[in-house]
Amino acid sequence: MASTGGGVKQNPSILGIFKKIWLMALSVCFAFIITIGLFPAVTVDVKSSIANGGPWELYFIPVSCFLLFNLCDWAGRSLTAVCMWPGKDSRLLPALLLLRVLFVPLFMLCNVQPRYNLSVVFAHDAWFIIFMIIFAFSNGYLVSLCMCYGPKKVAANEAETAGAIMAFFVSLGLALGAALSFLFRGVI
């Protein structure tokens, strides 16, 4: 609650706070739409092109999809403890998050099986692994920046509400990404 000149306390306006953090809120929402839209719905169906029935076939998805995603996502989130670039008022951060939409065709054109509509362009396992490293690291780093910057864009007494708004937009992104994952998988 904020104190006014007459001593009366009032809650910060949710809409007023949202107007200050809308870019960070929508950015984090978009990040999770792309991430959950592709991972794991699309990425789990990528098949190794070099395993030929060997042990790598058994471990390809657990290692190159799940383990690699979680390690790189964690590394990206951890990097924000020592490096927070671009700054909280930079338009580059939302632009970098928008560029993540490029992962949609990149993963769709990997060796996802079964497929009905698109041809495989990136058949070798290395392409998938490279894409996964960049995808996961950028998710961890950029999402963490948004979540740190959202509450920093408002006054101290509004930071808690800003954090709650950011959490809502994370949840919205997760839900929309899950819904969109059916479309992404259906296109392949």
N, C-alpha and C. Protein backbone atom coordinates (compact mmCIF):
# COMPACT_ATOMS: atom_id res chain seq x y z
N MET A 1 0.84 -1.17 0.00
CA MET A 1 0.00 0.00 0.00
C MET A 1 0.89 1.23 0.00
N ALA A 2 0.48 2.22 -0.77
CA ALA A 2 1.23 3.47 -0.86
C ALA A 2 0.55 4.54 -0.06
N SER A 3 1.34 5.36 0.55
CA SER A 3 0.79 6.45 1.36
C SER A 3 0.59 7.67 0.48
N THR A 4 -0.57 8.29 0.59
CA THR A 4 -0.84 9.52 -0.15
C THR A 4 -0.63 10.71 0.77
N GLY A 5 -0.75 11.90 0.25
CA GLY A 5 -0.53 13.12 1.03
C GLY A 5 -1.41 13.21 2.26
N GLY A 6 -2.63 12.71 2.22
CA GLY A 6 -3.57 12.81 3.33
C GLY A 6 -3.42 11.68 4.33
N GLY A 7 -2.42 10.83 4.18
CA GLY A 7 -2.23 9.74 5.12
C GLY A 7 -3.04 8.50 4.76
N VAL A 8 -3.88 8.55 3.74
CA VAL A 8 -4.68 7.41 3.31
C VAL A 8 -3.79 6.50 2.46
N LYS A 9 -3.88 5.21 2.70
CA LYS A 9 -3.07 4.27 1.94
C LYS A 9 -3.92 3.63 0.84
N GLN A 10 -3.29 3.43 -0.32
CA GLN A 10 -3.99 2.78 -1.42
C GLN A 10 -3.05 1.79 -2.08
N ASN A 11 -3.64 0.76 -2.68
CA ASN A 11 -2.85 -0.24 -3.38
C ASN A 11 -2.39 0.31 -4.71
N PRO A 12 -1.19 -0.09 -5.15
CA PRO A 12 -0.76 0.31 -6.48
C PRO A 12 -1.70 -0.30 -7.52
N SER A 13 -1.98 0.43 -8.56
CA SER A 13 -2.87 -0.02 -9.63
C SER A 13 -2.20 -1.11 -10.45
N ILE A 14 -2.88 -2.24 -10.62
CA ILE A 14 -2.33 -3.33 -11.43
C ILE A 14 -2.15 -2.86 -12.86
N LEU A 15 -3.13 -2.15 -13.39
CA LEU A 15 -3.02 -1.65 -14.76
C LEU A 15 -1.88 -0.65 -14.88
N GLY A 16 -1.74 0.20 -13.89
CA GLY A 16 -0.65 1.18 -13.90
C GLY A 16 0.71 0.50 -13.89
N ILE A 17 0.84 -0.55 -13.11
CA ILE A 17 2.10 -1.30 -13.06
C ILE A 17 2.32 -2.04 -14.37
N PHE A 18 1.25 -2.64 -14.90
CA PHE A 18 1.38 -3.36 -16.18
C PHE A 18 1.85 -2.43 -17.29
N LYS A 19 1.37 -1.20 -17.29
CA LYS A 19 1.80 -0.23 -18.31
C LYS A 19 3.31 0.02 -18.25
N LYS A 20 3.90 -0.16 -17.09
CA LYS A 20 5.34 0.05 -16.93
C LYS A 20 6.15 -1.18 -17.34
N ILE A 21 5.55 -2.36 -17.23
CA ILE A 21 6.31 -3.60 -17.46
C ILE A 21 5.77 -4.42 -18.62
N TRP A 22 4.85 -3.88 -19.39
CA TRP A 22 4.18 -4.67 -20.42
C TRP A 22 5.15 -5.33 -21.39
N LEU A 23 6.23 -4.64 -21.75
CA LEU A 23 7.16 -5.21 -22.71
C LEU A 23 7.86 -6.44 -22.12
N MET A 24 8.26 -6.36 -20.88
CA MET A 24 8.90 -7.52 -20.22
C MET A 24 7.89 -8.66 -20.04
N ALA A 25 6.66 -8.32 -19.67
CA ALA A 25 5.62 -9.34 -19.45
C ALA A 25 5.30 -10.07 -20.76
N LEU A 26 5.10 -9.32 -21.84
CA LEU A 26 4.80 -9.95 -23.12
C LEU A 26 6.01 -10.71 -23.66
N SER A 27 7.20 -10.20 -23.38
CA SER A 27 8.42 -10.89 -23.83
C SER A 27 8.56 -12.25 -23.18
N VAL A 28 8.36 -12.31 -21.86
CA VAL A 28 8.49 -13.59 -21.17
C VAL A 28 7.36 -14.54 -21.60
N CYS A 29 6.20 -14.01 -21.86
CA CYS A 29 5.09 -14.83 -22.35
C CYS A 29 5.44 -15.43 -23.71
N PHE A 30 5.95 -14.60 -24.61
CA PHE A 30 6.32 -15.06 -25.95
C PHE A 30 7.43 -16.10 -25.88
N ALA A 31 8.40 -15.87 -24.99
CA ALA A 31 9.49 -16.83 -24.85
C ALA A 31 8.96 -18.22 -24.51
N PHE A 32 8.02 -18.28 -23.58
CA PHE A 32 7.49 -19.59 -23.18
C PHE A 32 6.53 -20.17 -24.21
N ILE A 33 5.87 -19.33 -24.98
CA ILE A 33 5.05 -19.86 -26.08
C ILE A 33 5.93 -20.63 -27.05
N ILE A 34 7.06 -20.04 -27.43
CA ILE A 34 7.98 -20.70 -28.36
C ILE A 34 8.62 -21.93 -27.71
N THR A 35 9.11 -21.78 -26.50
CA THR A 35 9.80 -22.89 -25.83
C THR A 35 8.88 -24.09 -25.62
N ILE A 36 7.73 -23.88 -25.04
CA ILE A 36 6.83 -25.00 -24.75
C ILE A 36 6.15 -25.50 -26.02
N GLY A 37 5.99 -24.64 -27.00
CA GLY A 37 5.44 -25.07 -28.28
C GLY A 37 6.33 -26.10 -28.97
N LEU A 38 7.64 -25.98 -28.76
CA LEU A 38 8.59 -26.88 -29.42
C LEU A 38 9.13 -27.97 -28.50
N PHE A 39 9.38 -27.62 -27.27
CA PHE A 39 9.99 -28.56 -26.32
C PHE A 39 8.98 -28.95 -25.27
N PRO A 40 8.64 -30.18 -25.14
CA PRO A 40 9.19 -31.36 -25.80
C PRO A 40 8.36 -31.88 -26.97
N ALA A 41 7.23 -31.26 -27.29
CA ALA A 41 6.30 -31.83 -28.27
C ALA A 41 6.96 -32.15 -29.61
N VAL A 42 7.76 -31.25 -30.13
CA VAL A 42 8.42 -31.48 -31.41
C VAL A 42 9.78 -32.14 -31.20
N THR A 43 10.55 -31.63 -30.26
CA THR A 43 11.93 -32.10 -30.10
C THR A 43 12.03 -33.56 -29.67
N VAL A 44 11.05 -34.06 -28.95
CA VAL A 44 11.11 -35.44 -28.47
C VAL A 44 10.97 -36.45 -29.62
N ASP A 45 10.44 -36.02 -30.76
CA ASP A 45 10.25 -36.93 -31.89
C ASP A 45 11.37 -36.87 -32.92
N VAL A 46 12.44 -36.15 -32.62
CA VAL A 46 13.60 -36.14 -33.52
C VAL A 46 14.31 -37.48 -33.37
N LYS A 47 14.63 -38.08 -34.49
CA LYS A 47 15.31 -39.39 -34.49
C LYS A 47 16.76 -39.21 -34.93
N SER A 48 17.63 -40.00 -34.34
CA SER A 48 19.05 -39.97 -34.71
C SER A 48 19.23 -40.51 -36.12
N SER A 49 20.06 -39.84 -36.89
CA SER A 49 20.33 -40.31 -38.25
C SER A 49 21.63 -41.11 -38.30
N ILE A 50 22.36 -41.16 -37.19
CA ILE A 50 23.66 -41.85 -37.20
C ILE A 50 23.72 -43.05 -36.25
N ALA A 51 22.67 -43.31 -35.50
CA ALA A 51 22.71 -44.36 -34.47
C ALA A 51 22.74 -45.76 -35.06
N ASN A 52 22.00 -46.00 -36.11
CA ASN A 52 21.95 -47.31 -36.77
C ASN A 52 21.73 -48.46 -35.80
N GLY A 53 20.79 -48.29 -34.88
CA GLY A 53 20.45 -49.36 -33.95
C GLY A 53 21.40 -49.52 -32.78
N GLY A 54 22.40 -48.68 -32.67
CA GLY A 54 23.37 -48.76 -31.57
C GLY A 54 22.84 -48.09 -30.31
N PRO A 55 23.69 -48.02 -29.29
CA PRO A 55 23.28 -47.43 -28.01
C PRO A 55 22.86 -45.95 -28.13
N TRP A 56 23.46 -45.23 -29.07
CA TRP A 56 23.12 -43.81 -29.24
C TRP A 56 21.63 -43.64 -29.57
N GLU A 57 21.07 -44.61 -30.26
CA GLU A 57 19.64 -44.54 -30.59
C GLU A 57 18.79 -44.51 -29.31
N LEU A 58 19.19 -45.29 -28.33
CA LEU A 58 18.49 -45.35 -27.06
C LEU A 58 18.67 -44.07 -26.25
N TYR A 59 19.87 -43.48 -26.32
CA TYR A 59 20.19 -42.32 -25.49
C TYR A 59 20.10 -40.98 -26.20
N PHE A 60 19.83 -40.98 -27.49
CA PHE A 60 19.83 -39.74 -28.26
C PHE A 60 18.88 -38.69 -27.69
N ILE A 61 17.61 -39.03 -27.51
CA ILE A 61 16.64 -38.06 -26.99
C ILE A 61 16.87 -37.76 -25.51
N PRO A 62 17.08 -38.75 -24.65
CA PRO A 62 17.34 -38.39 -23.25
C PRO A 62 18.54 -37.46 -23.07
N VAL A 63 19.59 -37.66 -23.87
CA VAL A 63 20.80 -36.85 -23.73
C VAL A 63 20.70 -35.55 -24.51
N SER A 64 20.46 -35.65 -25.82
CA SER A 64 20.54 -34.45 -26.67
C SER A 64 19.30 -33.57 -26.59
N CYS A 65 18.22 -34.09 -26.07
CA CYS A 65 17.01 -33.28 -25.92
C CYS A 65 16.84 -32.86 -24.46
N PHE A 66 16.60 -33.79 -23.58
CA PHE A 66 16.25 -33.44 -22.19
C PHE A 66 17.44 -32.98 -21.36
N LEU A 67 18.51 -33.76 -21.32
CA LEU A 67 19.68 -33.38 -20.53
C LEU A 67 20.30 -32.09 -21.06
N LEU A 68 20.49 -32.03 -22.37
CA LEU A 68 21.10 -30.84 -22.97
C LEU A 68 20.24 -29.60 -22.77
N PHE A 69 18.93 -29.74 -22.94
CA PHE A 69 18.05 -28.58 -22.73
C PHE A 69 18.19 -28.08 -21.30
N ASN A 70 18.08 -28.97 -20.34
CA ASN A 70 18.11 -28.54 -18.94
C ASN A 70 19.46 -27.96 -18.53
N LEU A 71 20.56 -28.53 -18.99
CA LEU A 71 21.88 -27.99 -18.67
C LEU A 71 22.08 -26.60 -19.29
N CYS A 72 21.71 -26.46 -20.55
CA CYS A 72 21.91 -25.18 -21.23
C CYS A 72 20.95 -24.11 -20.71
N ASP A 73 19.73 -24.49 -20.41
CA ASP A 73 18.77 -23.55 -19.82
C ASP A 73 19.30 -23.07 -18.46
N TRP A 74 19.80 -23.99 -17.65
CA TRP A 74 20.38 -23.64 -16.35
C TRP A 74 21.60 -22.73 -16.52
N ALA A 75 22.45 -23.04 -17.50
CA ALA A 75 23.63 -22.20 -17.75
C ALA A 75 23.22 -20.79 -18.14
N GLY A 76 22.19 -20.67 -18.98
CA GLY A 76 21.70 -19.35 -19.36
C GLY A 76 21.15 -18.58 -18.18
N ARG A 77 20.37 -19.25 -17.35
CA ARG A 77 19.82 -18.59 -16.15
C ARG A 77 20.94 -18.19 -15.19
N SER A 78 21.94 -19.04 -15.06
CA SER A 78 23.05 -18.77 -14.14
C SER A 78 23.91 -17.60 -14.62
N LEU A 79 24.05 -17.45 -15.92
CA LEU A 79 24.87 -16.36 -16.46
C LEU A 79 24.35 -14.99 -16.03
N THR A 80 23.05 -14.88 -15.82
CA THR A 80 22.50 -13.58 -15.43
C THR A 80 22.98 -13.15 -14.04
N ALA A 81 23.58 -14.04 -13.28
CA ALA A 81 24.15 -13.66 -11.99
C ALA A 81 25.41 -12.81 -12.16
N VAL A 82 26.07 -12.94 -13.31
CA VAL A 82 27.30 -12.18 -13.55
C VAL A 82 27.22 -11.23 -14.74
N CYS A 83 26.26 -11.43 -15.61
CA CYS A 83 26.14 -10.59 -16.81
C CYS A 83 24.66 -10.35 -17.11
N MET A 84 24.29 -9.09 -17.09
CA MET A 84 22.89 -8.75 -17.40
C MET A 84 22.87 -7.77 -18.57
N TRP A 85 23.08 -8.32 -19.76
CA TRP A 85 23.07 -7.55 -20.99
C TRP A 85 22.06 -8.17 -21.93
N PRO A 86 21.27 -7.45 -22.63
CA PRO A 86 21.11 -6.00 -22.68
C PRO A 86 20.38 -5.47 -21.45
N GLY A 87 20.40 -4.16 -21.27
CA GLY A 87 19.81 -3.52 -20.10
C GLY A 87 18.30 -3.57 -20.07
N LYS A 88 17.74 -3.17 -18.94
CA LYS A 88 16.29 -3.29 -18.72
C LYS A 88 15.45 -2.39 -19.61
N ASP A 89 16.03 -1.33 -20.15
CA ASP A 89 15.27 -0.44 -21.03
C ASP A 89 15.63 -0.63 -22.50
N SER A 90 16.44 -1.62 -22.79
CA SER A 90 16.88 -1.88 -24.16
C SER A 90 15.76 -2.55 -24.97
N ARG A 91 15.64 -2.14 -26.20
CA ARG A 91 14.69 -2.80 -27.12
C ARG A 91 15.31 -4.06 -27.72
N LEU A 92 16.60 -4.26 -27.47
CA LEU A 92 17.28 -5.44 -28.00
C LEU A 92 16.78 -6.72 -27.34
N LEU A 93 16.48 -6.67 -26.06
CA LEU A 93 16.00 -7.86 -25.35
C LEU A 93 14.72 -8.42 -25.98
N PRO A 94 13.68 -7.61 -26.18
CA PRO A 94 12.49 -8.15 -26.86
C PRO A 94 12.79 -8.59 -28.29
N ALA A 95 13.70 -7.89 -28.96
CA ALA A 95 14.05 -8.28 -30.33
C ALA A 95 14.72 -9.66 -30.34
N LEU A 96 15.61 -9.90 -29.39
CA LEU A 96 16.25 -11.22 -29.30
C LEU A 96 15.23 -12.31 -29.01
N LEU A 97 14.27 -12.00 -28.17
CA LEU A 97 13.21 -12.98 -27.88
C LEU A 97 12.35 -13.23 -29.12
N LEU A 98 12.08 -12.20 -29.89
CA LEU A 98 11.31 -12.39 -31.13
C LEU A 98 12.08 -13.25 -32.13
N LEU A 99 13.40 -13.10 -32.16
CA LEU A 99 14.21 -13.91 -33.07
C LEU A 99 14.12 -15.40 -32.77
N ARG A 100 13.74 -15.75 -31.55
CA ARG A 100 13.61 -17.16 -31.18
C ARG A 100 12.52 -17.87 -31.98
N VAL A 101 11.67 -17.11 -32.66
CA VAL A 101 10.65 -17.73 -33.51
C VAL A 101 11.32 -18.53 -34.64
N LEU A 102 12.56 -18.20 -34.95
CA LEU A 102 13.29 -18.94 -35.99
C LEU A 102 13.50 -20.41 -35.61
N PHE A 103 13.44 -20.71 -34.33
CA PHE A 103 13.59 -22.10 -33.91
C PHE A 103 12.40 -22.96 -34.35
N VAL A 104 11.27 -22.36 -34.62
CA VAL A 104 10.11 -23.14 -35.06
C VAL A 104 10.43 -23.87 -36.36
N PRO A 105 10.81 -23.16 -37.44
CA PRO A 105 11.14 -23.93 -38.66
C PRO A 105 12.42 -24.76 -38.51
N LEU A 106 13.39 -24.28 -37.74
CA LEU A 106 14.63 -25.04 -37.60
C LEU A 106 14.37 -26.42 -37.00
N PHE A 107 13.62 -26.49 -35.92
CA PHE A 107 13.32 -27.80 -35.32
C PHE A 107 12.36 -28.61 -36.19
N MET A 108 11.41 -27.95 -36.83
CA MET A 108 10.48 -28.69 -37.69
C MET A 108 11.19 -29.34 -38.87
N LEU A 109 12.30 -28.74 -39.30
CA LEU A 109 13.04 -29.27 -40.44
C LEU A 109 14.16 -30.23 -40.04
N CYS A 110 14.26 -30.52 -38.74
CA CYS A 110 15.17 -31.58 -38.28
C CYS A 110 14.51 -32.94 -38.56
N ASN A 111 15.17 -34.01 -38.20
CA ASN A 111 14.68 -35.35 -38.50
C ASN A 111 13.57 -35.79 -37.55
N VAL A 112 12.48 -35.03 -37.52
CA VAL A 112 11.30 -35.36 -36.70
C VAL A 112 10.54 -36.47 -37.42
N GLN A 113 10.24 -37.54 -36.70
CA GLN A 113 9.52 -38.68 -37.28
C GLN A 113 8.38 -39.08 -36.36
N PRO A 114 7.24 -39.47 -36.85
CA PRO A 114 6.85 -39.47 -38.26
C PRO A 114 6.56 -38.06 -38.75
N ARG A 115 6.64 -37.91 -40.04
CA ARG A 115 6.34 -36.62 -40.65
C ARG A 115 5.48 -36.86 -41.88
N TYR A 116 4.63 -35.89 -42.16
CA TYR A 116 3.66 -36.08 -43.24
C TYR A 116 3.68 -34.94 -44.25
N ASN A 117 4.14 -33.77 -43.87
CA ASN A 117 4.02 -32.60 -44.74
C ASN A 117 5.33 -31.96 -45.14
N LEU A 118 6.32 -31.96 -44.29
CA LEU A 118 7.57 -31.27 -44.55
C LEU A 118 8.71 -32.25 -44.79
N SER A 119 9.67 -31.82 -45.59
CA SER A 119 10.87 -32.63 -45.82
C SER A 119 11.89 -32.35 -44.73
N VAL A 120 12.79 -33.30 -44.53
CA VAL A 120 13.89 -33.12 -43.59
C VAL A 120 14.98 -32.32 -44.29
N VAL A 121 15.41 -31.23 -43.68
CA VAL A 121 16.50 -30.41 -44.20
C VAL A 121 17.76 -30.61 -43.36
N PHE A 122 17.58 -30.71 -42.05
CA PHE A 122 18.70 -30.85 -41.11
C PHE A 122 18.70 -32.28 -40.56
N ALA A 123 19.20 -33.21 -41.37
CA ALA A 123 19.10 -34.63 -41.03
C ALA A 123 20.12 -35.06 -39.98
N HIS A 124 21.31 -34.50 -40.01
CA HIS A 124 22.37 -34.96 -39.12
C HIS A 124 22.08 -34.57 -37.67
N ASP A 125 22.44 -35.44 -36.75
CA ASP A 125 22.23 -35.21 -35.32
C ASP A 125 22.88 -33.92 -34.83
N ALA A 126 24.01 -33.56 -35.42
CA ALA A 126 24.74 -32.36 -34.98
C ALA A 126 23.89 -31.10 -35.13
N TRP A 127 23.09 -31.02 -36.19
CA TRP A 127 22.23 -29.84 -36.37
C TRP A 127 21.26 -29.71 -35.20
N PHE A 128 20.62 -30.81 -34.87
CA PHE A 128 19.67 -30.80 -33.77
C PHE A 128 20.35 -30.39 -32.46
N ILE A 129 21.52 -30.92 -32.21
CA ILE A 129 22.25 -30.61 -30.97
C ILE A 129 22.64 -29.14 -30.93
N ILE A 130 23.13 -28.60 -32.03
CA ILE A 130 23.48 -27.17 -32.10
C ILE A 130 22.25 -26.31 -31.85
N PHE A 131 21.16 -26.63 -32.54
CA PHE A 131 19.92 -25.86 -32.34
C PHE A 131 19.46 -25.94 -30.89
N MET A 132 19.54 -27.13 -30.29
CA MET A 132 19.08 -27.31 -28.91
C MET A 132 19.92 -26.49 -27.94
N ILE A 133 21.23 -26.45 -28.14
CA ILE A 133 22.10 -25.68 -27.25
C ILE A 133 21.72 -24.20 -27.29
N ILE A 134 21.58 -23.65 -28.48
CA ILE A 134 21.24 -22.22 -28.62
C ILE A 134 19.83 -21.95 -28.12
N PHE A 135 18.90 -22.83 -28.45
CA PHE A 135 17.50 -22.70 -28.03
C PHE A 135 17.38 -22.68 -26.50
N ALA A 136 18.01 -23.65 -25.85
CA ALA A 136 17.90 -23.77 -24.40
C ALA A 136 18.64 -22.65 -23.68
N PHE A 137 19.85 -22.34 -24.13
CA PHE A 137 20.63 -21.29 -23.48
C PHE A 137 19.92 -19.94 -23.62
N SER A 138 19.42 -19.66 -24.81
CA SER A 138 18.72 -18.38 -25.02
C SER A 138 17.44 -18.32 -24.20
N ASN A 139 16.76 -19.45 -24.04
CA ASN A 139 15.57 -19.47 -23.19
C ASN A 139 15.94 -19.11 -21.76
N GLY A 140 16.91 -19.80 -21.20
CA GLY A 140 17.30 -19.55 -19.82
C GLY A 140 17.77 -18.13 -19.60
N TYR A 141 18.65 -17.65 -20.47
CA TYR A 141 19.23 -16.32 -20.29
C TYR A 141 18.20 -15.21 -20.47
N LEU A 142 17.47 -15.25 -21.58
CA LEU A 142 16.55 -14.15 -21.89
C LEU A 142 15.34 -14.13 -20.95
N VAL A 143 14.82 -15.29 -20.60
CA VAL A 143 13.69 -15.35 -19.66
C VAL A 143 14.13 -14.84 -18.29
N SER A 144 15.31 -15.24 -17.87
CA SER A 144 15.81 -14.78 -16.57
C SER A 144 15.99 -13.27 -16.56
N LEU A 145 16.49 -12.71 -17.65
CA LEU A 145 16.62 -11.25 -17.74
C LEU A 145 15.25 -10.58 -17.61
N CYS A 146 14.27 -11.07 -18.34
CA CYS A 146 12.92 -10.48 -18.27
C CYS A 146 12.37 -10.54 -16.85
N MET A 147 12.53 -11.68 -16.21
CA MET A 147 12.00 -11.84 -14.85
C MET A 147 12.73 -10.94 -13.85
N CYS A 148 14.00 -10.70 -14.08
CA CYS A 148 14.75 -9.77 -13.20
C CYS A 148 14.36 -8.33 -13.47
N TYR A 149 14.21 -7.98 -14.74
CA TYR A 149 13.97 -6.58 -15.11
C TYR A 149 12.55 -6.13 -14.84
N GLY A 150 11.57 -7.01 -14.94
CA GLY A 150 10.17 -6.60 -14.74
C GLY A 150 9.97 -5.83 -13.45
N PRO A 151 10.28 -6.41 -12.30
CA PRO A 151 10.10 -5.69 -11.03
C PRO A 151 11.03 -4.48 -10.86
N LYS A 152 12.14 -4.44 -11.60
CA LYS A 152 13.07 -3.31 -11.49
C LYS A 152 12.59 -2.08 -12.27
N LYS A 153 11.58 -2.25 -13.10
CA LYS A 153 11.07 -1.14 -13.89
C LYS A 153 10.01 -0.32 -13.15
N VAL A 154 9.71 -0.71 -11.93
CA VAL A 154 8.67 -0.03 -11.14
C VAL A 154 9.26 0.42 -9.80
N ALA A 155 8.50 1.22 -9.08
CA ALA A 155 8.90 1.67 -7.75
C ALA A 155 8.97 0.47 -6.80
N ALA A 156 9.74 0.61 -5.74
CA ALA A 156 9.94 -0.48 -4.78
C ALA A 156 8.62 -1.00 -4.21
N ASN A 157 7.67 -0.11 -3.95
CA ASN A 157 6.40 -0.56 -3.38
C ASN A 157 5.51 -1.27 -4.41
N GLU A 158 5.89 -1.22 -5.68
CA GLU A 158 5.13 -1.88 -6.75
C GLU A 158 5.79 -3.17 -7.23
N ALA A 159 7.00 -3.45 -6.73
CA ALA A 159 7.78 -4.58 -7.22
C ALA A 159 7.09 -5.92 -6.98
N GLU A 160 6.44 -6.08 -5.85
CA GLU A 160 5.76 -7.35 -5.56
C GLU A 160 4.63 -7.60 -6.55
N THR A 161 3.85 -6.57 -6.82
CA THR A 161 2.76 -6.69 -7.80
C THR A 161 3.33 -6.95 -9.19
N ALA A 162 4.42 -6.27 -9.53
CA ALA A 162 5.06 -6.49 -10.83
C ALA A 162 5.52 -7.94 -10.95
N GLY A 163 6.07 -8.49 -9.88
CA GLY A 163 6.49 -9.89 -9.89
C GLY A 163 5.31 -10.84 -10.10
N ALA A 164 4.19 -10.52 -9.49
CA ALA A 164 2.98 -11.35 -9.66
C ALA A 164 2.48 -11.26 -11.10
N ILE A 165 2.53 -10.07 -11.69
CA ILE A 165 2.12 -9.91 -13.08
C ILE A 165 3.04 -10.71 -13.99
N MET A 166 4.34 -10.65 -13.73
CA MET A 166 5.30 -11.41 -14.52
C MET A 166 5.02 -12.91 -14.40
N ALA A 167 4.72 -13.38 -13.20
CA ALA A 167 4.41 -14.80 -13.00
C ALA A 167 3.15 -15.20 -13.77
N PHE A 168 2.15 -14.31 -13.80
CA PHE A 168 0.95 -14.59 -14.58
C PHE A 168 1.30 -14.76 -16.06
N PHE A 169 2.16 -13.88 -16.58
CA PHE A 169 2.51 -13.97 -18.00
C PHE A 169 3.39 -15.17 -18.31
N VAL A 170 4.17 -15.64 -17.33
CA VAL A 170 4.88 -16.92 -17.50
C VAL A 170 3.85 -18.03 -17.66
N SER A 171 2.87 -18.07 -16.78
CA SER A 171 1.82 -19.10 -16.83
C SER A 171 1.03 -19.03 -18.12
N LEU A 172 0.72 -17.82 -18.56
CA LEU A 172 0.00 -17.65 -19.82
C LEU A 172 0.83 -18.19 -20.98
N GLY A 173 2.12 -17.88 -20.99
CA GLY A 173 3.00 -18.38 -22.04
C GLY A 173 3.09 -19.89 -22.04
N LEU A 174 3.15 -20.49 -20.86
CA LEU A 174 3.19 -21.95 -20.76
C LEU A 174 1.92 -22.57 -21.32
N ALA A 175 0.77 -22.00 -20.97
CA ALA A 175 -0.51 -22.53 -21.45
C ALA A 175 -0.65 -22.37 -22.96
N LEU A 176 -0.33 -21.19 -23.47
CA LEU A 176 -0.44 -20.95 -24.91
C LEU A 176 0.57 -21.80 -25.69
N GLY A 177 1.76 -21.96 -25.14
CA GLY A 177 2.76 -22.81 -25.78
C GLY A 177 2.32 -24.26 -25.85
N ALA A 178 1.72 -24.74 -24.77
CA ALA A 178 1.21 -26.12 -24.76
C ALA A 178 0.12 -26.30 -25.81
N ALA A 179 -0.77 -25.32 -25.92
CA ALA A 179 -1.83 -25.41 -26.94
C ALA A 179 -1.24 -25.35 -28.34
N LEU A 180 -0.26 -24.48 -28.54
CA LEU A 180 0.35 -24.31 -29.86
C LEU A 180 1.19 -25.52 -30.26
N SER A 181 1.66 -26.28 -29.29
CA SER A 181 2.49 -27.44 -29.60
C SER A 181 1.75 -28.45 -30.48
N PHE A 182 0.44 -28.56 -30.33
CA PHE A 182 -0.34 -29.47 -31.17
C PHE A 182 -0.32 -29.01 -32.63
N LEU A 183 -0.40 -27.70 -32.83
CA LEU A 183 -0.32 -27.15 -34.19
C LEU A 183 1.07 -27.38 -34.77
N PHE A 184 2.11 -27.07 -34.01
CA PHE A 184 3.48 -27.26 -34.49
C PHE A 184 3.71 -28.70 -34.91
N ARG A 185 3.27 -29.64 -34.08
CA ARG A 185 3.49 -31.05 -34.38
C ARG A 185 2.64 -31.49 -35.57
N GLY A 186 1.43 -30.92 -35.68
CA GLY A 186 0.55 -31.27 -36.79
C GLY A 186 1.05 -30.80 -38.14
N VAL A 187 1.78 -29.70 -38.15
CA VAL A 187 2.31 -29.15 -39.40
C VAL A 187 3.37 -30.08 -40.00
N ILE A 188 4.10 -30.76 -39.14
CA ILE A 188 5.19 -31.63 -39.61
C ILE A 188 4.59 -32.86 -40.25
